[in-house]
């Protein structure tokens, strides 16, 4: 039994809170839940990313968009996060929006039990949109269902 029901938040920093909140709002229909100004620490906001999860974004002057590249495990302290699409149609709609935005090439990875594609947000954060295929219960997964597509060849 797990004591957890999901991700509460992922904290990140940005040089432009309005630009980042606009991106997540336009692409994912993810509202800014609250914005707070704290003396000496600055401005920050929580952006809803589904369920109980939020992006907790701190605006820090002088923060440039990250340029860590796309190599896994070399993208900074948080390598990436994945957002879960509600349905396959939502997955495809988000893919279309992110392609139109120029944030992804839209290449889909099929892991047998799930689909995903990557995108980069305006701050250079590498992230994914994922969707569990219909009928898949993640708590019942067999680890053998996940194979590295490169090593499987």
Protein backbone atom coordinates (compact mmCIF):
# COMPACT_ATOMS: atom_id res chain seq x y z
CA UNK A 1 0.00 0.00 0.00
CA UNK A 2 1.29 3.44 -0.88
CA UNK A 3 0.77 6.43 1.37
CA UNK A 4 0.95 8.69 -1.69
CA UNK A 5 -1.78 9.79 -4.06
CA UNK A 6 0.40 11.62 -6.57
CA UNK A 7 2.88 14.42 -7.10
CA UNK A 8 2.25 17.56 -5.07
CA UNK A 9 4.56 19.91 -6.97
CA UNK A 10 7.72 20.21 -9.03
CA UNK A 11 9.70 23.35 -8.18
CA UNK A 12 11.56 25.26 -10.84
CA UNK A 13 12.92 28.75 -11.41
CA UNK A 14 12.39 31.16 -14.28
CA UNK A 15 13.48 34.61 -15.31
CA UNK A 16 9.97 35.36 -16.62
CA UNK A 17 7.05 33.95 -14.64
CA UNK A 18 4.44 35.51 -16.91
CA UNK A 19 5.96 33.94 -20.06
CA UNK A 20 6.14 30.48 -18.47
CA UNK A 21 2.61 30.68 -17.00
CA UNK A 22 1.30 31.82 -20.40
CA UNK A 23 2.95 28.81 -22.13
CA UNK A 24 1.41 26.24 -19.74
CA UNK A 25 -1.93 28.07 -19.85
CA UNK A 26 -2.10 28.22 -23.67
CA UNK A 27 -0.81 24.72 -24.38
CA UNK A 28 -2.20 22.65 -21.49
CA UNK A 29 -5.11 24.84 -20.33
CA UNK A 30 -3.29 24.80 -16.98
CA UNK A 31 -4.31 27.76 -14.84
CA UNK A 32 -2.08 29.70 -12.50
CA UNK A 33 -3.69 28.71 -9.18
CA UNK A 34 -2.10 31.40 -7.04
CA UNK A 35 0.65 33.98 -7.30
CA UNK A 36 2.48 35.19 -4.20
CA UNK A 37 5.06 37.92 -3.55
CA UNK A 38 7.35 37.21 -0.60
CA UNK A 39 9.67 40.00 0.56
CA UNK A 40 13.35 39.10 0.03
CA UNK A 41 12.42 35.86 -1.81
CA UNK A 42 10.40 37.30 -4.67
CA UNK A 43 7.47 36.36 -6.80
CA UNK A 44 6.30 32.80 -7.27
CA UNK A 45 3.23 30.93 -8.46
CA UNK A 46 1.62 27.53 -8.56
CA UNK A 47 0.47 26.32 -11.99
CA UNK A 48 -1.96 23.39 -11.99
CA UNK A 49 -0.72 20.39 -14.00
CA UNK A 50 -3.54 17.95 -13.22
CA UNK A 51 -4.80 16.15 -10.14
CA UNK A 52 -3.11 17.45 -7.05
CA UNK A 53 0.11 18.35 -8.91
CA UNK A 54 1.44 21.83 -9.60
CA UNK A 55 4.52 23.46 -11.01
CA UNK A 56 5.84 25.70 -8.25
CA UNK A 57 7.64 28.38 -10.24
CA UNK A 58 9.91 30.96 -8.62
CA UNK A 59 10.85 34.06 -10.61
CA UNK A 60 14.54 34.83 -10.07
CA UNK A 61 16.05 37.84 -11.83
CA UNK A 62 18.89 36.95 -14.16
CA UNK A 63 17.80 33.34 -14.65
CA UNK A 64 18.37 32.40 -18.27
CA UNK A 65 16.52 29.54 -19.94
CA UNK A 66 18.48 26.36 -19.34
CA UNK A 67 20.67 25.05 -22.11
CA UNK A 68 21.60 21.64 -20.76
CA UNK A 69 21.02 19.84 -24.05
CA UNK A 70 18.78 16.84 -24.58
CA UNK A 71 20.98 14.01 -23.31
CA UNK A 72 19.26 12.09 -20.55
CA UNK A 73 20.87 12.56 -17.11
CA UNK A 74 22.60 15.77 -18.25
CA UNK A 75 19.67 18.19 -18.05
CA UNK A 76 20.20 19.55 -14.53
CA UNK A 77 19.02 18.45 -11.09
CA UNK A 78 15.55 17.54 -12.35
CA UNK A 79 16.22 15.58 -15.52
CA UNK A 80 12.61 15.81 -16.71
CA UNK A 81 9.01 15.33 -15.69
CA UNK A 82 6.09 13.83 -17.57
CA UNK A 83 2.54 15.15 -17.72
CA UNK A 84 -0.26 12.56 -18.07
CA UNK A 85 -2.84 13.10 -20.82
CA UNK A 86 -6.39 12.09 -19.82
CA UNK A 87 -7.19 10.35 -23.13
CA UNK A 88 -5.50 9.40 -26.39
CA UNK A 89 -7.34 12.25 -28.12
CA UNK A 90 -5.99 14.68 -25.49
CA UNK A 91 -2.49 13.22 -26.03
CA UNK A 92 -2.77 13.95 -29.77
CA UNK A 93 -4.23 17.43 -29.20
CA UNK A 94 -1.35 18.35 -26.87
CA UNK A 95 1.11 16.93 -29.39
CA UNK A 96 -0.43 19.12 -32.13
CA UNK A 97 -0.33 22.23 -29.92
CA UNK A 98 3.30 21.67 -28.97
CA UNK A 99 4.32 21.04 -32.59
CA UNK A 100 2.53 24.28 -33.59
CA UNK A 101 4.35 26.05 -30.74
CA UNK A 102 7.70 24.78 -32.03
CA UNK A 103 8.34 23.08 -28.69
CA UNK A 104 8.63 19.55 -30.13
CA UNK A 105 9.16 17.57 -33.31
CA UNK A 106 6.32 15.36 -32.02
CA UNK A 107 8.05 11.98 -32.35
CA UNK A 108 6.03 9.44 -30.33
CA UNK A 109 7.66 6.70 -28.28
CA UNK A 110 5.56 3.54 -27.93
CA UNK A 111 6.51 1.60 -24.80
CA UNK A 112 3.83 -1.04 -25.31
CA UNK A 113 1.80 0.02 -22.29
CA UNK A 114 2.17 3.77 -22.77
CA UNK A 115 2.92 6.45 -25.33
CA UNK A 116 5.02 9.56 -24.81
CA UNK A 117 6.66 12.43 -26.63
CA UNK A 118 9.04 15.07 -25.38
CA UNK A 119 8.87 18.86 -25.48
CA UNK A 120 10.95 21.76 -24.24
CA UNK A 121 9.27 24.64 -22.41
CA UNK A 122 10.34 28.31 -22.81
CA UNK A 123 12.87 27.96 -19.98
CA UNK A 124 14.55 24.97 -21.64
CA UNK A 125 13.02 22.38 -19.30
CA UNK A 126 12.82 19.04 -21.10
CA UNK A 127 9.52 17.33 -20.31
CA UNK A 128 7.16 14.72 -21.71
CA UNK A 129 3.48 14.18 -22.31
CA UNK A 130 2.57 10.56 -21.59
CA UNK A 131 -0.59 8.48 -21.84
CA UNK A 132 -1.24 5.03 -20.33
CA UNK A 133 -2.94 2.94 -22.99
CA UNK A 134 -6.58 2.06 -22.34
CA UNK A 135 -6.96 -0.83 -19.90
CA UNK A 136 -3.51 -0.36 -18.34
CA UNK A 137 -3.41 -0.07 -14.56
CA UNK A 138 0.04 1.31 -13.70
CA UNK A 139 0.04 -0.38 -10.28
CA UNK A 140 -0.21 -3.79 -12.00
CA UNK A 141 2.66 -3.28 -14.43
CA UNK A 142 5.31 -5.91 -15.02
CA UNK A 143 8.75 -4.20 -15.17
CA UNK A 144 9.49 -6.34 -18.23
CA UNK A 145 6.87 -4.27 -20.08
CA UNK A 146 9.32 -1.37 -20.17
CA UNK A 147 12.27 -1.83 -22.45
CA UNK A 148 14.84 0.65 -23.57
CA UNK A 149 14.13 0.91 -27.32
CA UNK A 150 17.87 1.25 -28.04
CA UNK A 151 19.01 -1.78 -26.02
CA UNK A 152 16.08 -3.89 -27.26
CA UNK A 153 17.44 -3.80 -30.82
